Amino acid sequence: MHIENLVRMANQIGAFFQDMPDHPEALHDAAQHIKKFWEPRMRRALLAHVDDGGAELGPFIREAIDTHREMLEPLVRA
């Protein structure tokens, strides 16, 4: 999947959750949604994009990713 599509989907998720009245809960729920519904390679690609500057990511979803990065990192199996 191309990073442009992942960024678009992440921004859509952010747009849905950003208007929740409890900001910390909204950040958690947005990150939880990505963890629950995105496969590990999609999450790895998104996190790599953030590490490269995160171009085109909206401020809310970027904050959600930064705040809950550990939740989003796929487990590495030996």
PDB file of N, CA and C in Angstrom:
ATOM      1  N   MET A   1       0.839  -1.176   0.000  1.00  0.00           N
ATOM      2  CA  MET A   1       0.000   0.000   0.000  1.00  0.00           C
ATOM      3  C   MET A   1       0.885   1.241   0.000  1.00  0.00           C
ATOM      4  N   HIS A   2       0.545   2.206  -0.791  1.00  0.00           N
ATOM      5  CA  HIS A   2       1.335   3.435  -0.897  1.00  0.00           C
ATOM      6  C   HIS A   2       1.124   4.322   0.325  1.00  0.00           C
ATOM      7  N   ILE A   3       2.173   5.029   0.708  1.00  0.00           N
ATOM      8  CA  ILE A   3       2.106   5.873   1.898  1.00  0.00           C
ATOM      9  C   ILE A   3       1.037   6.951   1.750  1.00  0.00           C
ATOM     10  N   GLU A   4       0.797   7.418   0.536  1.00  0.00           N
ATOM     11  CA  GLU A   4      -0.237   8.443   0.333  1.00  0.00           C
ATOM     12  C   GLU A   4      -1.599   7.920   0.786  1.00  0.00           C
ATOM     13  N   ASN A   5      -1.884   6.660   0.505  1.00  0.00           N
ATOM     14  CA  ASN A   5      -3.157   6.068   0.936  1.00  0.00           C
ATOM     15  C   ASN A   5      -3.209   5.913   2.451  1.00  0.00           C
ATOM     16  N   LEU A   6      -2.100   5.521   3.050  1.00  0.00           N
ATOM     17  CA  LEU A   6      -2.065   5.383   4.507  1.00  0.00           C
ATOM     18  C   LEU A   6      -2.259   6.732   5.188  1.00  0.00           C
ATOM     19  N   VAL A   7      -1.619   7.756   4.650  1.00  0.00           N
ATOM     20  CA  VAL A   7      -1.763   9.103   5.209  1.00  0.00           C
ATOM     21  C   VAL A   7      -3.209   9.570   5.076  1.00  0.00           C
ATOM     22  N   ARG A   8      -3.814   9.341   3.932  1.00  0.00           N
ATOM     23  CA  ARG A   8      -5.212   9.737   3.713  1.00  0.00           C
ATOM     24  C   ARG A   8      -6.121   9.031   4.725  1.00  0.00           C
ATOM     25  N   MET A   9      -5.923   7.727   4.892  1.00  0.00           N
ATOM     26  CA  MET A   9      -6.753   6.976   5.838  1.00  0.00           C
ATOM     27  C   MET A   9      -6.507   7.441   7.279  1.00  0.00           C
ATOM     28  N   ALA A  10      -5.254   7.675   7.632  1.00  0.00           N
ATOM     29  CA  ALA A  10      -4.940   8.149   8.984  1.00  0.00           C
ATOM     30  C   ALA A  10      -5.602   9.499   9.239  1.00  0.00           C
ATOM     31  N   ASN A  11      -5.563  10.384   8.268  1.00  0.00           N
ATOM     32  CA  ASN A  11      -6.202  11.687   8.423  1.00  0.00           C
ATOM     33  C   ASN A  11      -7.714  11.558   8.550  1.00  0.00           C
ATOM     34  N   GLN A  12      -8.310  10.613   7.856  1.00  0.00           N
ATOM     35  CA  GLN A  12      -9.746  10.383   7.995  1.00  0.00           C
ATOM     36  C   GLN A  12     -10.081   9.894   9.404  1.00  0.00           C
ATOM     37  N   ILE A  13      -9.251   9.018   9.930  1.00  0.00           N
ATOM     38  CA  ILE A  13      -9.438   8.538  11.301  1.00  0.00           C
ATOM     39  C   ILE A  13      -9.321   9.715  12.263  1.00  0.00           C
ATOM     40  N   GLY A  14      -8.310  10.535  12.055  1.00  0.00           N
ATOM     41  CA  GLY A  14      -8.133  11.715  12.898  1.00  0.00           C
ATOM     42  C   GLY A  14      -9.320  12.656  12.835  1.00  0.00           C
ATOM     43  N   ALA A  15      -9.862  12.866  11.650  1.00  0.00           N
ATOM     44  CA  ALA A  15     -11.016  13.757  11.496  1.00  0.00           C
ATOM     45  C   ALA A  15     -12.217  13.225  12.270  1.00  0.00           C
ATOM     46  N   PHE A  16     -12.368  11.916  12.319  1.00  0.00           N
ATOM     47  CA  PHE A  16     -13.489  11.327  13.047  1.00  0.00           C
ATOM     48  C   PHE A  16     -13.338  11.530  14.557  1.00  0.00           C
ATOM     49  N   PHE A  17     -12.150  11.286  15.094  1.00  0.00           N
ATOM     50  CA  PHE A  17     -11.953  11.294  16.539  1.00  0.00           C
ATOM     51  C   PHE A  17     -11.649  12.672  17.118  1.00  0.00           C
ATOM     52  N   GLN A  18     -11.173  13.618  16.329  1.00  0.00           N
ATOM     53  CA  GLN A  18     -10.690  14.881  16.887  1.00  0.00           C
ATOM     54  C   GLN A  18     -11.759  15.738  17.554  1.00  0.00           C
ATOM     55  N   ASP A  19     -13.007  15.527  17.235  1.00  0.00           N
ATOM     56  CA  ASP A  19     -14.066  16.344  17.833  1.00  0.00           C
ATOM     57  C   ASP A  19     -14.646  15.759  19.111  1.00  0.00           C
ATOM     58  N   MET A  20     -14.090  14.657  19.576  1.00  0.00           N
ATOM     59  CA  MET A  20     -14.544  14.099  20.855  1.00  0.00           C
ATOM     60  C   MET A  20     -14.235  15.107  21.965  1.00  0.00           C
ATOM     61  N   PRO A  21     -15.107  15.226  22.952  1.00  0.00           N
ATOM     62  CA  PRO A  21     -14.894  16.241  23.988  1.00  0.00           C
ATOM     63  C   PRO A  21     -13.688  15.985  24.897  1.00  0.00           C
ATOM     64  N   ASP A  22     -13.323  14.731  25.097  1.00  0.00           N
ATOM     65  CA  ASP A  22     -12.183  14.387  25.951  1.00  0.00           C
ATOM     66  C   ASP A  22     -10.962  14.160  25.054  1.00  0.00           C
ATOM     67  N   HIS A  23     -10.087  15.170  24.975  1.00  0.00           N
ATOM     68  CA  HIS A  23      -8.956  15.125  24.038  1.00  0.00           C
ATOM     69  C   HIS A  23      -8.028  13.927  24.277  1.00  0.00           C
ATOM     70  N   PRO A  24      -7.595  13.663  25.523  1.00  0.00           N
ATOM     71  CA  PRO A  24      -6.726  12.491  25.729  1.00  0.00           C
ATOM     72  C   PRO A  24      -7.399  11.177  25.315  1.00  0.00           C
ATOM     73  N   GLU A  25      -8.678  11.057  25.600  1.00  0.00           N
ATOM     74  CA  GLU A  25      -9.398   9.853  25.197  1.00  0.00           C
ATOM     75  C   GLU A  25      -9.487   9.759  23.675  1.00  0.00           C
ATOM     76  N   ALA A  26      -9.691  10.892  23.026  1.00  0.00           N
ATOM     77  CA  ALA A  26      -9.764  10.911  21.566  1.00  0.00           C
ATOM     78  C   ALA A  26      -8.440  10.474  20.947  1.00  0.00           C
ATOM     79  N   LEU A  27      -7.331  10.937  21.498  1.00  0.00           N
ATOM     80  CA  LEU A  27      -6.012  10.533  21.002  1.00  0.00           C
ATOM     81  C   LEU A  27      -5.832   9.026  21.151  1.00  0.00           C
ATOM     82  N   HIS A  28      -6.195   8.515  22.317  1.00  0.00           N
ATOM     83  CA  HIS A  28      -6.074   7.082  22.576  1.00  0.00           C
ATOM     84  C   HIS A  28      -6.954   6.284  21.623  1.00  0.00           C
ATOM     85  N   ASP A  29      -8.184   6.709  21.455  1.00  0.00           N
ATOM     86  CA  ASP A  29      -9.126   5.972  20.609  1.00  0.00           C
ATOM     87  C   ASP A  29      -8.699   5.970  19.143  1.00  0.00           C
ATOM     88  N   ALA A  30      -8.132   7.075  18.673  1.00  0.00           N
ATOM     89  CA  ALA A  30      -7.647   7.130  17.291  1.00  0.00           C
ATOM     90  C   ALA A  30      -6.500   6.141  17.091  1.00  0.00           C
ATOM     91  N   ALA A  31      -5.550   6.148  18.030  1.00  0.00           N
ATOM     92  CA  ALA A  31      -4.422   5.210  17.943  1.00  0.00           C
ATOM     93  C   ALA A  31      -4.909   3.774  18.083  1.00  0.00           C
ATOM     94  N   GLN A  32      -5.855   3.544  18.981  1.00  0.00           N
ATOM     95  CA  GLN A  32      -6.397   2.203  19.178  1.00  0.00           C
ATOM     96  C   GLN A  32      -7.082   1.709  17.907  1.00  0.00           C
ATOM     97  N   HIS A  33      -7.765   2.591  17.207  1.00  0.00           N
ATOM     98  CA  HIS A  33      -8.422   2.217  15.957  1.00  0.00           C
ATOM     99  C   HIS A  33      -7.387   1.739  14.927  1.00  0.00           C
ATOM    100  N   ILE A  34      -6.290   2.479  14.805  1.00  0.00           N
ATOM    101  CA  ILE A  34      -5.233   2.076  13.869  1.00  0.00           C
ATOM    102  C   ILE A  34      -4.643   0.736  14.286  1.00  0.00           C
ATOM    103  N   LYS A  35      -4.383   0.566  15.573  1.00  0.00           N
ATOM    104  CA  LYS A  35      -3.821  -0.702  16.046  1.00  0.00           C
ATOM    105  C   LYS A  35      -4.764  -1.867  15.754  1.00  0.00           C
ATOM    106  N   LYS A  36      -6.042  -1.652  15.979  1.00  0.00           N
ATOM    107  CA  LYS A  36      -7.015  -2.724  15.841  1.00  0.00           C
ATOM    108  C   LYS A  36      -7.284  -3.109  14.391  1.00  0.00           C
ATOM    109  N   PHE A  37      -7.324  -2.128  13.494  1.00  0.00           N
ATOM    110  CA  PHE A  37      -7.772  -2.394  12.135  1.00  0.00           C
ATOM    111  C   PHE A  37      -6.686  -2.377  11.062  1.00  0.00           C
ATOM    112  N   TRP A  38      -5.487  -1.926  11.394  1.00  0.00           N
ATOM    113  CA  TRP A  38      -4.399  -1.909  10.411  1.00  0.00           C
ATOM    114  C   TRP A  38      -3.465  -3.076  10.690  1.00  0.00           C
ATOM    115  N   GLU A  39      -3.060  -3.733   9.627  1.00  0.00           N
ATOM    116  CA  GLU A  39      -2.114  -4.831   9.812  1.00  0.00           C
ATOM    117  C   GLU A  39      -0.725  -4.269  10.130  1.00  0.00           C
ATOM    118  N   PRO A  40       0.155  -5.100  10.709  1.00  0.00           N
ATOM    119  CA  PRO A  40       1.460  -4.619  11.162  1.00  0.00           C
ATOM    120  C   PRO A  40       2.280  -3.902  10.084  1.00  0.00           C
ATOM    121  N   ARG A  41       2.277  -4.390   8.861  1.00  0.00           N
ATOM    122  CA  ARG A  41       3.108  -3.717   7.842  1.00  0.00           C
ATOM    123  C   ARG A  41       2.578  -2.321   7.527  1.00  0.00           C
ATOM    124  N   MET A  42       1.273  -2.106   7.648  1.00  0.00           N
ATOM    125  CA  MET A  42       0.697  -0.776   7.441  1.00  0.00           C
ATOM    126  C   MET A  42       1.136   0.151   8.575  1.00  0.00           C
ATOM    127  N   ARG A  43       1.107  -0.347   9.806  1.00  0.00           N
ATOM    128  CA  ARG A  43       1.532   0.470  10.949  1.00  0.00           C
ATOM    129  C   ARG A  43       3.026   0.780  10.870  1.00  0.00           C
ATOM    130  N   ARG A  44       3.823  -0.207  10.462  1.00  0.00           N
ATOM    131  CA  ARG A  44       5.269   0.038  10.298  1.00  0.00           C
ATOM    132  C   ARG A  44       5.521   1.127   9.265  1.00  0.00           C
ATOM    133  N   ALA A  45       4.810   1.075   8.152  1.00  0.00           N
ATOM    134  CA  ALA A  45       4.984   2.078   7.098  1.00  0.00           C
ATOM    135  C   ALA A  45       4.580   3.468   7.592  1.00  0.00           C
ATOM    136  N   LEU A  46       3.488   3.538   8.346  1.00  0.00           N
ATOM    137  CA  LEU A  46       3.044   4.831   8.880  1.00  0.00           C
ATOM    138  C   LEU A  46       4.064   5.384   9.871  1.00  0.00           C
ATOM    139  N   LEU A  47       4.576   4.541  10.755  1.00  0.00           N
ATOM    140  CA  LEU A  47       5.567   4.997  11.727  1.00  0.00           C
ATOM    141  C   LEU A  47       6.864   5.418  11.037  1.00  0.00           C
ATOM    142  N   ALA A  48       7.263   4.716   9.993  1.00  0.00           N
ATOM    143  CA  ALA A  48       8.457   5.111   9.232  1.00  0.00           C
ATOM    144  C   ALA A  48       8.224   6.470   8.580  1.00  0.00           C
ATOM    145  N   HIS A  49       7.012   6.692   8.097  1.00  0.00           N
ATOM    146  CA  HIS A  49       6.675   7.988   7.492  1.00  0.00           C
ATOM    147  C   HIS A  49       6.760   9.099   8.544  1.00  0.00           C
ATOM    148  N   VAL A  50       6.270   8.837   9.739  1.00  0.00           N
ATOM    149  CA  VAL A  50       6.377   9.818  10.825  1.00  0.00           C
ATOM    150  C   VAL A  50       7.845  10.101  11.115  1.00  0.00           C
ATOM    151  N   ASP A  51       8.672   9.056  11.152  1.00  0.00           N
ATOM    152  CA  ASP A  51      10.103   9.235  11.398  1.00  0.00           C
ATOM    153  C   ASP A  51      10.777  10.060  10.310  1.00  0.00           C
ATOM    154  N   ASP A  52      10.216  10.028   9.107  1.00  0.00           N
ATOM    155  CA  ASP A  52      10.755  10.810   7.989  1.00  0.00           C
ATOM    156  C   ASP A  52      10.156  12.211   7.906  1.00  0.00           C
ATOM    157  N   GLY A  53       9.401  12.606   8.920  1.00  0.00           N
ATOM    158  CA  GLY A  53       8.844  13.954   8.952  1.00  0.00           C
ATOM    159  C   GLY A  53       7.329  13.996   8.950  1.00  0.00           C
ATOM    160  N   GLY A  54       6.677  12.927   8.519  1.00  0.00           N
ATOM    161  CA  GLY A  54       5.225  12.854   8.582  1.00  0.00           C
ATOM    162  C   GLY A  54       4.482  13.818   7.683  1.00  0.00           C
ATOM    163  N   ALA A  55       5.035  14.083   6.503  1.00  0.00           N
ATOM    164  CA  ALA A  55       4.400  15.030   5.580  1.00  0.00           C
ATOM    165  C   ALA A  55       2.940  14.663   5.329  1.00  0.00           C
ATOM    166  N   GLU A  56       2.105  15.680   5.326  1.00  0.00           N
ATOM    167  CA  GLU A  56       0.674  15.585   5.013  1.00  0.00           C
ATOM    168  C   GLU A  56      -0.172  14.984   6.135  1.00  0.00           C
ATOM    169  N   LEU A  57       0.422  14.554   7.235  1.00  0.00           N
ATOM    170  CA  LEU A  57      -0.389  14.074   8.348  1.00  0.00           C
ATOM    171  C   LEU A  57      -0.968  15.272   9.092  1.00  0.00           C
ATOM    172  N   GLY A  58      -2.258  15.200   9.406  1.00  0.00           N
ATOM    173  CA  GLY A  58      -2.896  16.265  10.162  1.00  0.00           C
ATOM    174  C   GLY A  58      -2.360  16.331  11.582  1.00  0.00           C
ATOM    175  N   PRO A  59      -2.473  17.505  12.214  1.00  0.00           N
ATOM    176  CA  PRO A  59      -1.912  17.678  13.554  1.00  0.00           C
ATOM    177  C   PRO A  59      -2.531  16.756  14.609  1.00  0.00           C
ATOM    178  N   PHE A  60      -3.825  16.483  14.527  1.00  0.00           N
ATOM    179  CA  PHE A  60      -4.449  15.622  15.527  1.00  0.00           C
ATOM    180  C   PHE A  60      -3.924  14.194  15.417  1.00  0.00           C
ATOM    181  N   ILE A  61      -3.937  13.626  14.214  1.00  0.00           N
ATOM    182  CA  ILE A  61      -3.503  12.233  14.074  1.00  0.00           C
ATOM    183  C   ILE A  61      -2.013  12.112  14.363  1.00  0.00           C
ATOM    184  N   ARG A  62      -1.252  13.134  14.029  1.00  0.00           N
ATOM    185  CA  ARG A  62       0.179  13.132  14.358  1.00  0.00           C
ATOM    186  C   ARG A  62       0.375  13.097  15.872  1.00  0.00           C
ATOM    187  N   GLU A  63      -0.427  13.894  16.592  1.00  0.00           N
ATOM    188  CA  GLU A  63      -0.341  13.885  18.054  1.00  0.00           C
ATOM    189  C   GLU A  63      -0.740  12.525  18.608  1.00  0.00           C
ATOM    190  N   ALA A  64      -1.774  11.923  18.044  1.00  0.00           N
ATOM    191  CA  ALA A  64      -2.215  10.594  18.492  1.00  0.00           C
ATOM    192  C   ALA A  64      -1.111   9.563  18.285  1.00  0.00           C
ATOM    193  N   ILE A  65      -0.467   9.618  17.140  1.00  0.00           N
ATOM    194  CA  ILE A  65       0.620   8.677  16.839  1.00  0.00           C
ATOM    195  C   ILE A  65       1.803   8.913  17.776  1.00  0.00           C
ATOM    196  N   ASP A  66       2.180  10.176  17.953  1.00  0.00           N
ATOM    197  CA  ASP A  66       3.314  10.486  18.824  1.00  0.00           C
ATOM    198  C   ASP A  66       3.036  10.095  20.278  1.00  0.00           C
ATOM    199  N   THR A  67       1.820  10.345  20.731  1.00  0.00           N
ATOM    200  CA  THR A  67       1.456  10.075  22.118  1.00  0.00           C
ATOM    201  C   THR A  67       1.368   8.575  22.399  1.00  0.00           C
ATOM    202  N   HIS A  68       0.911   7.824  21.421  1.00  0.00           N
ATOM    203  CA  HIS A  68       0.660   6.395  21.632  1.00  0.00           C
ATOM    204  C   HIS A  68       1.483   5.510  20.704  1.00  0.00           C
ATOM    205  N   ARG A  69       2.678   5.944  20.406  1.00  0.00           N
ATOM    206  CA  ARG A  69       3.529   5.207  19.470  1.00  0.00           C
ATOM    207  C   ARG A  69       3.768   3.760  19.914  1.00  0.00           C
ATOM    208  N   GLU A  70       4.025   3.562  21.194  1.00  0.00           N
ATOM    209  CA  GLU A  70       4.304   2.198  21.673  1.00  0.00           C
ATOM    210  C   GLU A  70       3.148   1.255  21.375  1.00  0.00           C
ATOM    211  N   MET A  71       1.934   1.757  21.449  1.00  0.00           N
ATOM    212  CA  MET A  71       0.761   0.950  21.153  1.00  0.00           C
ATOM    213  C   MET A  71       0.752   0.526  19.682  1.00  0.00           C
ATOM    214  N   LEU A  72       1.269   1.381  18.822  1.00  0.00           N
ATOM    215  CA  LEU A  72       1.192   1.145  17.380  1.00  0.00           C
ATOM    216  C   LEU A  72       2.325   0.298  16.840  1.00  0.00           C
ATOM    217  N   GLU A  73       3.411   0.173  17.587  1.00  0.00           N
ATOM    218  CA  GLU A  73       4.553  -0.587  17.078  1.00  0.00           C
ATOM    219  C   GLU A  73       4.240  -2.064  17.086  1.00  0.00           C
ATOM    220  N   PRO A  74       4.317  -2.688  15.914  1.00  0.00           N
ATOM    221  CA  PRO A  74       4.052  -4.128  15.838  1.00  0.00           C
ATOM    222  C   PRO A  74       5.077  -4.914  16.646  1.00  0.00           C
ATOM    223  N   LEU A  75       4.635  -6.018  17.203  1.00  0.00           N
ATOM    224  CA  LEU A  75       5.549  -6.891  17.930  1.00  0.00           C
ATOM    225  C   LEU A  75       6.545  -7.509  16.972  1.00  0.00           C
ATOM    226  N   VAL A  76       7.769  -7.608  17.419  1.00  0.00           N
ATOM    227  CA  VAL A  76       8.810  -8.256  16.623  1.00  0.00           C
ATOM    228  C   VAL A  76       8.969  -9.662  17.162  1.00  0.00           C
ATOM    229  N   ARG A  77       8.772 -10.633  16.303  1.00  0.00           N
ATOM    230  CA  ARG A  77       8.905 -12.038  16.705  1.00  0.00           C
ATOM    231  C   ARG A  77      10.270 -12.564  16.331  1.00  0.00           C
ATOM    232  N   ALA A  78      10.849 -13.317  17.242  1.00  0.00           N
ATOM    233  CA  ALA A  78      12.193 -13.870  17.001  1.00  0.00           C
ATOM    234  C   ALA A  78      12.108 -15.146  16.221  1.00  0.00           C
TER     235      ALA A  78
END
